[in-house]
Amino acid sequence: MLTKQQKAEQIKEGKKAISNSQSLVFIDFSGKTVEDLKKLRRVLLDIGAKLKVIKKKLLRVAFKESGIDFNPEQFESQVGTIFSDKDILGIAGPIYKSELKILGGYDLFAKNFIDAETVRKIGRLPSREILLGQLVGMISAPIKMFMHVLSEKSKMVENK
């Protein structure tokens, strides 16, 4: 049982984390070992995010005091909150790969809840670099084909 002072401290930490974040992802960490959570924390640290476990009621108070209308008590399981100063695209991939149960996300700028399935879909997307490479390949393919046709036509003209 937490004392009133400890609860106030957790609310203060939650408000500070919310004010420094752009997006949040809620995960269910029940059934996971401490070692699994340590690995996740290391991965999150590399991408500039933090995992905090704050009681749902205290998190609700922190949201309310930050001017955000969201109730984390809607989740029935244990909730871990991942705070990130990046948008949801930057953190969904590593979280999805960690195989933790994603409960949802929250975009603090748009102030809207993102359901768990959408966060999983975002997490499955390839990285930005891979997507840019695919785009370049798609754009260059018709040009290469056109160059090939011109090359073959010029060979036909030379052979005549």
C-alpha atoms as a PDB file:
ATOM      1  CA  MET A   1       0.000   0.000   0.000  1.00  0.00           C
ATOM      2  CA  LEU A   2       1.386   3.374  -0.986  1.00  0.00           C
ATOM      3  CA  THR A   3       1.367   6.334   1.352  1.00  0.00           C
ATOM      4  CA  LYS A   4      -0.297   9.579   0.347  1.00  0.00           C
ATOM      5  CA  GLN A   5       3.132  11.138  -0.229  1.00  0.00           C
ATOM      6  CA  GLN A   6       4.239   8.252  -2.489  1.00  0.00           C
ATOM      7  CA  LYS A   7       1.012   8.542  -4.477  1.00  0.00           C
ATOM      8  CA  ALA A   8       1.534  12.295  -4.884  1.00  0.00           C
ATOM      9  CA  GLU A   9       5.099  11.605  -6.071  1.00  0.00           C
ATOM     10  CA  GLN A  10       3.878   9.062  -8.654  1.00  0.00           C
ATOM     11  CA  ILE A  11       1.263  11.523  -9.924  1.00  0.00           C
ATOM     12  CA  LYS A  12       3.958  14.211 -10.185  1.00  0.00           C
ATOM     13  CA  GLU A  13       6.258  11.822 -12.103  1.00  0.00           C
ATOM     14  CA  GLY A  14       3.372  10.855 -14.381  1.00  0.00           C
ATOM     15  CA  LYS A  15       2.518  14.493 -15.135  1.00  0.00           C
ATOM     16  CA  LYS A  16       6.173  15.263 -15.866  1.00  0.00           C
ATOM     17  CA  ALA A  17       6.467  12.248 -18.188  1.00  0.00           C
ATOM     18  CA  ILE A  18       3.238  13.228 -19.970  1.00  0.00           C
ATOM     19  CA  SER A  19       4.402  16.817 -20.470  1.00  0.00           C
ATOM     20  CA  ASN A  20       7.712  15.611 -21.978  1.00  0.00           C
ATOM     21  CA  SER A  21       6.069  13.080 -24.302  1.00  0.00           C
ATOM     22  CA  GLN A  22       4.498  13.118 -27.728  1.00  0.00           C
ATOM     23  CA  SER A  23       2.903   9.691 -27.607  1.00  0.00           C
ATOM     24  CA  LEU A  24       2.100   6.907 -25.178  1.00  0.00           C
ATOM     25  CA  VAL A  25       1.664   3.179 -25.617  1.00  0.00           C
ATOM     26  CA  PHE A  26      -0.058   1.034 -23.021  1.00  0.00           C
ATOM     27  CA  ILE A  27       1.093  -2.559 -22.595  1.00  0.00           C
ATOM     28  CA  ASP A  28       0.027  -5.529 -20.507  1.00  0.00           C
ATOM     29  CA  PHE A  29       3.110  -6.872 -18.758  1.00  0.00           C
ATOM     30  CA  SER A  30       1.410  -9.592 -16.720  1.00  0.00           C
ATOM     31  CA  GLY A  31       3.126 -12.947 -17.076  1.00  0.00           C
ATOM     32  CA  LYS A  32       6.419 -11.376 -18.140  1.00  0.00           C
ATOM     33  CA  THR A  33       9.618 -11.883 -16.221  1.00  0.00           C
ATOM     34  CA  VAL A  34      11.704  -9.081 -14.782  1.00  0.00           C
ATOM     35  CA  GLU A  35      14.396  -9.993 -17.324  1.00  0.00           C
ATOM     36  CA  ASP A  36      11.922  -9.463 -20.208  1.00  0.00           C
ATOM     37  CA  LEU A  37      11.027  -6.038 -18.848  1.00  0.00           C
ATOM     38  CA  LYS A  38      14.719  -5.138 -18.425  1.00  0.00           C
ATOM     39  CA  LYS A  39      15.355  -6.031 -22.079  1.00  0.00           C
ATOM     40  CA  LEU A  40      12.378  -3.922 -23.134  1.00  0.00           C
ATOM     41  CA  ARG A  41      13.601  -0.981 -21.052  1.00  0.00           C
ATOM     42  CA  ARG A  42      17.032  -1.187 -22.749  1.00  0.00           C
ATOM     43  CA  VAL A  43      15.440  -1.227 -26.207  1.00  0.00           C
ATOM     44  CA  LEU A  44      13.186   1.686 -25.288  1.00  0.00           C
ATOM     45  CA  LEU A  45      16.106   3.662 -23.888  1.00  0.00           C
ATOM     46  CA  ASP A  46      17.879   3.322 -27.260  1.00  0.00           C
ATOM     47  CA  ILE A  47      14.915   4.912 -29.053  1.00  0.00           C
ATOM     48  CA  GLY A  48      14.329   7.620 -26.447  1.00  0.00           C
ATOM     49  CA  ALA A  49      11.339   6.140 -24.630  1.00  0.00           C
ATOM     50  CA  LYS A  50      10.689   5.054 -21.053  1.00  0.00           C
ATOM     51  CA  LEU A  51       8.531   2.360 -19.507  1.00  0.00           C
ATOM     52  CA  LYS A  52       6.831   3.367 -16.278  1.00  0.00           C
ATOM     53  CA  VAL A  53       4.452   1.360 -14.168  1.00  0.00           C
ATOM     54  CA  ILE A  54       2.005   3.675 -12.446  1.00  0.00           C
ATOM     55  CA  LYS A  55      -1.237   2.532 -10.854  1.00  0.00           C
ATOM     56  CA  LYS A  56      -4.183   3.099 -13.165  1.00  0.00           C
ATOM     57  CA  LYS A  57      -6.006   5.394 -10.724  1.00  0.00           C
ATOM     58  CA  LEU A  58      -2.897   7.518 -10.231  1.00  0.00           C
ATOM     59  CA  LEU A  59      -2.300   7.636 -13.978  1.00  0.00           C
ATOM     60  CA  ARG A  60      -5.907   8.769 -14.478  1.00  0.00           C
ATOM     61  CA  VAL A  61      -5.313  11.615 -11.991  1.00  0.00           C
ATOM     62  CA  ALA A  62      -2.078  12.562 -13.799  1.00  0.00           C
ATOM     63  CA  PHE A  63      -3.968  12.656 -17.105  1.00  0.00           C
ATOM     64  CA  LYS A  64      -6.746  14.753 -15.600  1.00  0.00           C
ATOM     65  CA  GLU A  65      -4.292  17.229 -14.066  1.00  0.00           C
ATOM     66  CA  SER A  66      -2.505  17.455 -17.442  1.00  0.00           C
ATOM     67  CA  GLY A  67      -5.790  18.372 -19.140  1.00  0.00           C
ATOM     68  CA  ILE A  68      -6.213  15.060 -20.953  1.00  0.00           C
ATOM     69  CA  ASP A  69      -9.558  13.307 -20.966  1.00  0.00           C
ATOM     70  CA  PHE A  70      -8.510   9.661 -20.868  1.00  0.00           C
ATOM     71  CA  ASN A  71      -9.208   6.913 -18.359  1.00  0.00           C
ATOM     72  CA  PRO A  72      -6.593   4.125 -18.205  1.00  0.00           C
ATOM     73  CA  GLU A  73      -8.856   2.204 -15.822  1.00  0.00           C
ATOM     74  CA  GLN A  74     -10.680   0.885 -18.901  1.00  0.00           C
ATOM     75  CA  PHE A  75      -7.910  -1.694 -19.182  1.00  0.00           C
ATOM     76  CA  GLU A  76      -8.588  -4.742 -17.050  1.00  0.00           C
ATOM     77  CA  SER A  77      -5.015  -6.033 -16.812  1.00  0.00           C
ATOM     78  CA  GLN A  78      -1.798  -4.641 -15.369  1.00  0.00           C
ATOM     79  CA  VAL A  79      -0.790  -1.576 -17.344  1.00  0.00           C
ATOM     80  CA  GLY A  80       2.690  -0.397 -18.172  1.00  0.00           C
ATOM     81  CA  THR A  81       2.911   2.969 -19.902  1.00  0.00           C
ATOM     82  CA  ILE A  82       5.601   3.728 -22.443  1.00  0.00           C
ATOM     83  CA  PHE A  83       6.296   7.451 -22.695  1.00  0.00           C
ATOM     84  CA  SER A  84       8.040   8.670 -25.841  1.00  0.00           C
ATOM     85  CA  ASP A  85       9.121  12.062 -27.104  1.00  0.00           C
ATOM     86  CA  LYS A  86       8.652  10.698 -30.645  1.00  0.00           C
ATOM     87  CA  ASP A  87       5.440  10.017 -32.479  1.00  0.00           C
ATOM     88  CA  ILE A  88       3.787   6.614 -32.388  1.00  0.00           C
ATOM     89  CA  LEU A  89       5.632   5.524 -35.553  1.00  0.00           C
ATOM     90  CA  GLY A  90       8.968   5.675 -33.757  1.00  0.00           C
ATOM     91  CA  ILE A  91       8.048   3.384 -30.883  1.00  0.00           C
ATOM     92  CA  ALA A  92       5.402   0.997 -32.230  1.00  0.00           C
ATOM     93  CA  GLY A  93       7.930  -1.213 -34.072  1.00  0.00           C
ATOM     94  CA  PRO A  94      10.185  -2.131 -31.134  1.00  0.00           C
ATOM     95  CA  ILE A  95       7.169  -2.634 -28.882  1.00  0.00           C
ATOM     96  CA  TYR A  96       5.494  -4.887 -31.449  1.00  0.00           C
ATOM     97  CA  LYS A  97       8.701  -6.920 -31.814  1.00  0.00           C
ATOM     98  CA  SER A  98       8.949  -7.362 -28.040  1.00  0.00           C
ATOM     99  CA  GLU A  99       5.823  -9.540 -28.217  1.00  0.00           C
ATOM    100  CA  LEU A 100       4.136  -7.802 -25.303  1.00  0.00           C
ATOM    101  CA  LYS A 101       0.377  -7.437 -25.395  1.00  0.00           C
ATOM    102  CA  ILE A 102      -0.368  -3.946 -26.666  1.00  0.00           C
ATOM    103  CA  LEU A 103      -3.467  -2.426 -25.082  1.00  0.00           C
ATOM    104  CA  GLY A 104      -3.494   0.791 -27.099  1.00  0.00           C
ATOM    105  CA  GLY A 105      -1.791   4.106 -27.559  1.00  0.00           C
ATOM    106  CA  TYR A 106      -2.451   7.782 -27.051  1.00  0.00           C
ATOM    107  CA  ASP A 107      -1.350  10.660 -29.272  1.00  0.00           C
ATOM    108  CA  LEU A 108      -0.816  13.601 -26.931  1.00  0.00           C
ATOM    109  CA  PHE A 109      -0.797  16.258 -29.672  1.00  0.00           C
ATOM    110  CA  ALA A 110      -3.988  15.109 -31.383  1.00  0.00           C
ATOM    111  CA  LYS A 111      -5.376  14.073 -27.971  1.00  0.00           C
ATOM    112  CA  ASN A 112      -6.889  10.880 -29.280  1.00  0.00           C
ATOM    113  CA  PHE A 113      -6.761   7.238 -28.289  1.00  0.00           C
ATOM    114  CA  ILE A 114      -5.274   4.751 -30.767  1.00  0.00           C
ATOM    115  CA  ASP A 115      -6.672   1.246 -30.488  1.00  0.00           C
ATOM    116  CA  ALA A 116      -4.392  -1.754 -30.010  1.00  0.00           C
ATOM    117  CA  GLU A 117      -4.899  -3.155 -33.521  1.00  0.00           C
ATOM    118  CA  THR A 118      -3.822   0.141 -35.117  1.00  0.00           C
ATOM    119  CA  VAL A 119      -0.683   0.260 -32.954  1.00  0.00           C
ATOM    120  CA  ARG A 120       0.117  -3.331 -34.005  1.00  0.00           C
ATOM    121  CA  LYS A 121      -0.386  -2.437 -37.692  1.00  0.00           C
ATOM    122  CA  ILE A 122       1.947   0.538 -37.314  1.00  0.00           C
ATOM    123  CA  GLY A 123       4.468  -1.715 -35.572  1.00  0.00           C
ATOM    124  CA  ARG A 124       4.447  -4.150 -38.499  1.00  0.00           C
ATOM    125  CA  LEU A 125       5.399  -1.445 -40.995  1.00  0.00           C
ATOM    126  CA  PRO A 126       8.972  -1.565 -42.303  1.00  0.00           C
ATOM    127  CA  SER A 127      11.377   1.126 -41.151  1.00  0.00           C
ATOM    128  CA  ARG A 128      11.500   4.515 -42.852  1.00  0.00           C
ATOM    129  CA  GLU A 129      14.727   3.631 -44.680  1.00  0.00           C
ATOM    130  CA  ILE A 130      13.237   0.441 -46.124  1.00  0.00           C
ATOM    131  CA  LEU A 131      10.095   2.277 -47.238  1.00  0.00           C
ATOM    132  CA  LEU A 132      12.205   4.972 -48.928  1.00  0.00           C
ATOM    133  CA  GLY A 133      14.246   2.281 -50.691  1.00  0.00           C
ATOM    134  CA  GLN A 134      11.061   0.622 -51.923  1.00  0.00           C
ATOM    135  CA  LEU A 135       9.765   3.981 -53.168  1.00  0.00           C
ATOM    136  CA  VAL A 136      12.991   4.668 -55.073  1.00  0.00           C
ATOM    137  CA  GLY A 137      12.804   1.186 -56.590  1.00  0.00           C
ATOM    138  CA  MET A 138       9.217   1.737 -57.699  1.00  0.00           C
ATOM    139  CA  ILE A 139      10.062   5.097 -59.254  1.00  0.00           C
ATOM    140  CA  SER A 140      13.236   3.897 -60.979  1.00  0.00           C
ATOM    141  CA  ALA A 141      11.771   0.663 -62.416  1.00  0.00           C
ATOM    142  CA  PRO A 142       9.821   2.317 -65.293  1.00  0.00           C
ATOM    143  CA  ILE A 143      12.826   4.496 -66.116  1.00  0.00           C
ATOM    144  CA  LYS A 144      15.095   1.423 -66.271  1.00  0.00           C
ATOM    145  CA  MET A 145      12.599  -0.373 -68.507  1.00  0.00           C
ATOM    146  CA  PHE A 146      12.390   2.651 -70.806  1.00  0.00           C
ATOM    147  CA  MET A 147      16.196   2.835 -70.981  1.00  0.00           C
ATOM    148  CA  HIS A 148      16.298  -0.878 -71.817  1.00  0.00           C
ATOM    149  CA  VAL A 149      13.782  -0.411 -74.650  1.00  0.00           C
ATOM    150  CA  LEU A 150      15.790   2.519 -76.051  1.00  0.00           C
ATOM    151  CA  SER A 151      18.975   0.474 -75.823  1.00  0.00           C
ATOM    152  CA  GLU A 152      17.401  -2.425 -77.730  1.00  0.00           C
ATOM    153  CA  LYS A 153      15.985  -0.050 -80.360  1.00  0.00           C
ATOM    154  CA  SER A 154      19.407   1.521 -80.883  1.00  0.00           C
ATOM    155  CA  LYS A 155      20.940  -1.954 -81.320  1.00  0.00           C
ATOM    156  CA  MET A 156      18.277  -2.790 -83.914  1.00  0.00           C
ATOM    157  CA  VAL A 157      19.047   0.415 -85.832  1.00  0.00           C
ATOM    158  CA  GLU A 158      22.798  -0.341 -85.742  1.00  0.00           C
ATOM    159  CA  ASN A 159      22.252  -3.866 -87.077  1.00  0.00           C
ATOM    160  CA  LYS A 160      20.300  -2.673 -90.136  1.00  0.00           C
END
